[in-house]
Amino acid sequence: ATVEQLGGTLEHRALEEGNAFEITLPLAVLGEDQGQRRFAVLPERLVLPDDAQVLAKASLAISGMADVESRTTAELAPATPKRVDPLRILIVEDHPVNRMLALKMVQRWGYAAEAVENGQEAVEIIAPGKYDLVLMDLQMPVLDGLSATRQLREHFSAEELPIVALTANTSSADRAACGEVGMQDFLGKPFKSEDLKRVIEALTGEEIGAAA
């Protein structure tokens, strides 16, 4: 809104202490209190910097519309958009049957999943922002899961790339070794779909619907 749109006039005068803008607006009836009308009181003079946005806000404040503008702006501001693309999960597993089962499981939940056969392939394929989660087997040829995770942690933090261990070795020593190289969680094989759901939801904040 501008002064003219509010039915008023605006005059400018240069002063030693700055610029003076003399704004004249029609008095607005704010309401009645015990039979007497209450009117908006306008200042005689405003000294403002040469800034059109500040002047516009001043005119709104004088007209009693500042709060309305503030509320309207907040109400019309778009909400933070929800994620629409599926989570991207990389499965690192050398056993072809286990690899296929894990791949089909996460794809059935609507995720974009890929699979590689060893840790070296994982290190080579992973790039910044490419995957949201890695499911990493521990015992693999070429490069095992612990060594692969150790290399990945040189470039990606746990927040940037969560890594979950998948292994048949479930001793406390194995769990400790996974934590030492920077893995966030540990699933013993064979694992249940409910356990994998829990891990994915905990690390990504994505709630998984019922399996198809």
Protein backbone atom coordinates (compact mmCIF):
# COMPACT_ATOMS: atom_id res chain seq x y z
CA ALA A 1 0.00 0.00 0.00
CA THR A 2 1.14 3.61 -0.64
CA VAL A 3 0.12 6.92 0.89
CA GLU A 4 -1.86 7.82 -2.22
CA GLN A 5 -3.71 4.52 -2.16
CA LEU A 6 -4.67 5.22 1.43
CA GLY A 7 -6.22 8.53 0.37
CA GLY A 8 -3.47 10.72 1.79
CA THR A 9 -0.70 13.00 0.57
CA LEU A 10 3.09 12.87 0.89
CA GLU A 11 5.46 15.86 0.89
CA HIS A 12 9.25 15.80 1.12
CA ARG A 13 11.59 18.41 2.60
CA ALA A 14 15.36 18.28 3.02
CA LEU A 15 16.52 19.07 6.56
CA GLU A 16 19.94 19.33 8.17
CA GLU A 17 19.34 16.19 10.19
CA GLY A 18 17.98 14.22 7.27
CA ASN A 19 14.97 14.01 5.00
CA ALA A 20 11.52 14.88 6.27
CA PHE A 21 8.45 13.21 4.83
CA GLU A 22 5.18 14.88 5.78
CA ILE A 23 2.37 12.38 5.45
CA THR A 24 -1.27 13.38 5.65
CA LEU A 25 -3.84 10.64 5.97
CA PRO A 26 -7.57 10.77 6.71
CA LEU A 27 -8.39 9.89 10.32
CA ALA A 28 -9.81 6.43 10.76
CA VAL A 29 -12.55 5.68 13.24
CA LEU A 30 -11.20 2.88 15.43
CA GLY A 31 -14.43 2.31 17.35
CA GLU A 32 -16.62 3.75 20.06
CA ASP A 33 -15.91 3.72 23.77
CA GLN A 34 -18.83 4.68 26.06
CA GLY A 35 -20.55 6.55 23.28
CA GLN A 36 -17.43 8.47 22.21
CA ARG A 37 -15.62 7.78 18.98
CA ARG A 38 -11.91 7.01 19.08
CA PHE A 39 -9.71 8.18 16.19
CA ALA A 40 -6.23 7.21 15.05
CA VAL A 41 -3.66 9.84 16.04
CA LEU A 42 -1.05 10.70 13.41
CA PRO A 43 2.36 12.26 14.14
CA GLU A 44 2.99 15.71 12.74
CA ARG A 45 6.24 14.77 11.01
CA LEU A 46 8.34 11.69 10.26
CA VAL A 47 12.08 11.84 9.57
CA LEU A 48 13.01 8.76 7.59
CA PRO A 49 15.99 7.57 5.55
CA ASP A 50 15.84 7.52 1.77
CA ASP A 51 14.50 4.00 1.54
CA ALA A 52 11.29 3.19 -0.25
CA GLN A 53 10.67 0.05 1.77
CA VAL A 54 11.05 1.87 5.09
CA LEU A 55 8.69 4.59 3.86
CA ALA A 56 6.13 2.02 2.78
CA LYS A 57 6.27 0.31 6.18
CA ALA A 58 5.90 3.67 7.90
CA SER A 59 2.78 4.47 5.92
CA LEU A 60 1.33 1.08 6.82
CA ALA A 61 2.14 1.58 10.50
CA ILE A 62 0.45 4.99 10.54
CA SER A 63 -2.64 3.64 8.81
CA GLY A 64 -2.94 0.79 11.32
CA MET A 65 -2.29 -1.84 8.65
CA ALA A 66 1.18 -3.00 9.74
CA ASP A 67 -0.16 -5.90 11.80
CA VAL A 68 -2.43 -6.96 8.96
CA GLU A 69 0.48 -6.96 6.51
CA SER A 70 2.63 -8.97 8.92
CA ARG A 71 -0.05 -11.61 9.50
CA THR A 72 -0.90 -11.84 5.83
CA THR A 73 2.75 -12.33 4.89
CA ALA A 74 3.17 -15.10 7.46
CA GLU A 75 -0.06 -16.80 6.43
CA LEU A 76 0.78 -16.71 2.74
CA ALA A 77 4.41 -17.84 3.18
CA PRO A 78 4.80 -21.31 1.66
CA ALA A 79 5.44 -24.14 4.07
CA THR A 80 8.69 -26.06 3.83
CA PRO A 81 8.05 -28.58 1.06
CA LYS A 82 8.00 -32.20 2.03
CA ARG A 83 10.37 -34.58 0.33
CA VAL A 84 8.76 -36.04 -2.78
CA ASP A 85 11.60 -38.14 -4.18
CA PRO A 86 12.19 -41.59 -2.66
CA LEU A 87 15.11 -42.36 -0.38
CA ARG A 88 18.18 -43.57 -2.24
CA ILE A 89 19.71 -46.69 -0.70
CA LEU A 90 22.88 -48.51 -1.72
CA ILE A 91 23.16 -52.21 -0.84
CA VAL A 92 26.71 -53.57 -0.64
CA GLU A 93 26.52 -57.37 -0.57
CA ASP A 94 28.61 -60.05 -2.29
CA HIS A 95 26.15 -62.94 -1.92
CA PRO A 96 23.80 -62.84 -4.92
CA VAL A 97 20.74 -64.21 -3.09
CA ASN A 98 21.14 -61.91 -0.08
CA ARG A 99 21.74 -58.99 -2.44
CA MET A 100 18.59 -59.72 -4.41
CA LEU A 101 16.43 -60.18 -1.31
CA ALA A 102 17.60 -56.91 0.28
CA LEU A 103 17.17 -55.07 -3.00
CA LYS A 104 13.61 -56.33 -3.52
CA MET A 105 12.70 -55.58 0.09
CA VAL A 106 13.60 -51.89 0.02
CA GLN A 107 12.22 -51.43 -3.49
CA ARG A 108 8.91 -52.87 -2.32
CA TRP A 109 8.80 -50.09 0.27
CA GLY A 110 9.08 -47.52 -2.51
CA TYR A 111 12.77 -46.68 -2.22
CA ALA A 112 15.22 -46.12 -5.06
CA ALA A 113 17.73 -48.90 -4.41
CA GLU A 114 20.93 -50.00 -6.12
CA ALA A 115 23.34 -52.80 -5.31
CA VAL A 116 27.06 -53.52 -5.73
CA GLU A 117 29.07 -56.64 -4.95
CA ASN A 118 31.93 -55.41 -2.74
CA GLY A 119 33.31 -52.50 -0.77
CA GLN A 120 35.59 -51.30 -3.55
CA GLU A 121 32.64 -50.85 -5.90
CA ALA A 122 30.82 -48.95 -3.16
CA VAL A 123 33.73 -46.56 -2.60
CA GLU A 124 33.94 -45.91 -6.33
CA ILE A 125 30.22 -45.35 -6.94
CA ILE A 126 29.33 -43.23 -3.90
CA ALA A 127 29.36 -39.48 -4.51
CA PRO A 128 28.16 -36.48 -2.47
CA GLY A 129 24.36 -36.44 -2.25
CA LYS A 130 23.94 -39.62 -4.31
CA TYR A 131 22.68 -41.90 -1.52
CA ASP A 132 20.75 -41.36 1.72
CA LEU A 133 21.74 -44.67 3.33
CA VAL A 134 24.19 -47.53 2.78
CA LEU A 135 23.54 -51.14 3.87
CA MET A 136 27.05 -52.63 4.09
CA ASP A 137 27.97 -56.31 4.39
CA LEU A 138 31.17 -56.88 6.35
CA GLN A 139 32.82 -59.96 4.82
CA MET A 140 33.33 -59.36 1.08
CA PRO A 141 36.11 -59.98 -1.44
CA VAL A 142 38.27 -57.20 -2.90
CA LEU A 143 37.41 -54.76 -0.07
CA ASP A 144 35.51 -55.70 3.10
CA GLY A 145 32.82 -53.58 4.72
CA LEU A 146 34.95 -52.24 7.57
CA SER A 147 37.72 -51.08 5.23
CA ALA A 148 35.22 -49.57 2.82
CA THR A 149 33.49 -47.67 5.62
CA ARG A 150 36.83 -46.42 6.91
CA GLN A 151 37.62 -44.99 3.47
CA LEU A 152 34.17 -43.45 3.08
CA ARG A 153 34.41 -41.72 6.46
CA GLU A 154 37.41 -39.81 5.17
CA HIS A 155 35.03 -37.99 2.82
CA PHE A 156 31.53 -38.29 4.32
CA SER A 157 30.30 -37.66 7.85
CA ALA A 158 27.73 -39.87 9.54
CA GLU A 159 25.07 -37.21 8.90
CA GLU A 160 25.94 -37.04 5.20
CA LEU A 161 26.05 -40.80 4.68
CA PRO A 162 24.62 -43.17 7.31
CA ILE A 163 26.07 -46.69 7.03
CA VAL A 164 24.48 -49.81 8.53
CA ALA A 165 26.39 -53.07 8.97
CA LEU A 166 24.85 -56.30 7.68
CA THR A 167 26.62 -59.40 8.96
CA ALA A 168 26.18 -62.89 10.33
CA ASN A 169 28.86 -62.11 12.92
CA THR A 170 26.95 -60.58 15.83
CA SER A 171 29.45 -60.70 18.68
CA SER A 172 30.09 -57.67 20.87
CA ALA A 173 33.56 -57.39 19.30
CA ASP A 174 32.02 -57.19 15.83
CA ARG A 175 29.61 -54.50 16.98
CA ALA A 176 32.44 -52.53 18.52
CA ALA A 177 34.50 -52.80 15.33
CA CYS A 178 31.58 -51.41 13.31
CA GLY A 179 31.22 -48.46 15.64
CA GLU A 180 34.93 -47.72 15.55
CA VAL A 181 34.99 -47.26 11.77
CA GLY A 182 31.90 -45.04 11.80
CA MET A 183 28.91 -47.29 11.17
CA GLN A 184 25.66 -46.05 12.70
CA ASP A 185 23.84 -49.33 13.28
CA PHE A 186 24.21 -53.09 13.09
CA LEU A 187 21.89 -55.80 11.75
CA GLY A 188 22.64 -59.49 12.18
CA LYS A 189 21.83 -61.78 9.23
CA PRO A 190 19.34 -63.13 8.64
CA PHE A 191 17.37 -60.06 9.73
CA LYS A 192 13.63 -59.43 9.80
CA SER A 193 11.99 -56.77 7.66
CA GLU A 194 10.74 -55.08 10.85
CA ASP A 195 14.33 -54.67 12.05
CA LEU A 196 15.42 -53.11 8.78
CA LYS A 197 12.42 -50.78 8.87
CA ARG A 198 13.35 -49.65 12.35
CA VAL A 199 16.92 -48.87 11.31
CA ILE A 200 15.92 -46.96 8.18
CA GLU A 201 13.31 -44.90 10.03
CA ALA A 202 15.73 -44.10 12.86
CA LEU A 203 18.54 -42.96 10.56
CA THR A 204 16.54 -41.13 7.89
CA GLY A 205 13.45 -39.90 9.70
CA GLU A 206 11.30 -41.47 6.96
CA GLU A 207 8.32 -43.49 8.11
CA ILE A 208 7.82 -46.67 6.15
CA GLY A 209 4.29 -47.69 5.27
CA ALA A 210 3.02 -51.23 5.32
CA ALA A 211 4.95 -53.52 3.05
CA ALA A 212 3.28 -54.28 -0.24
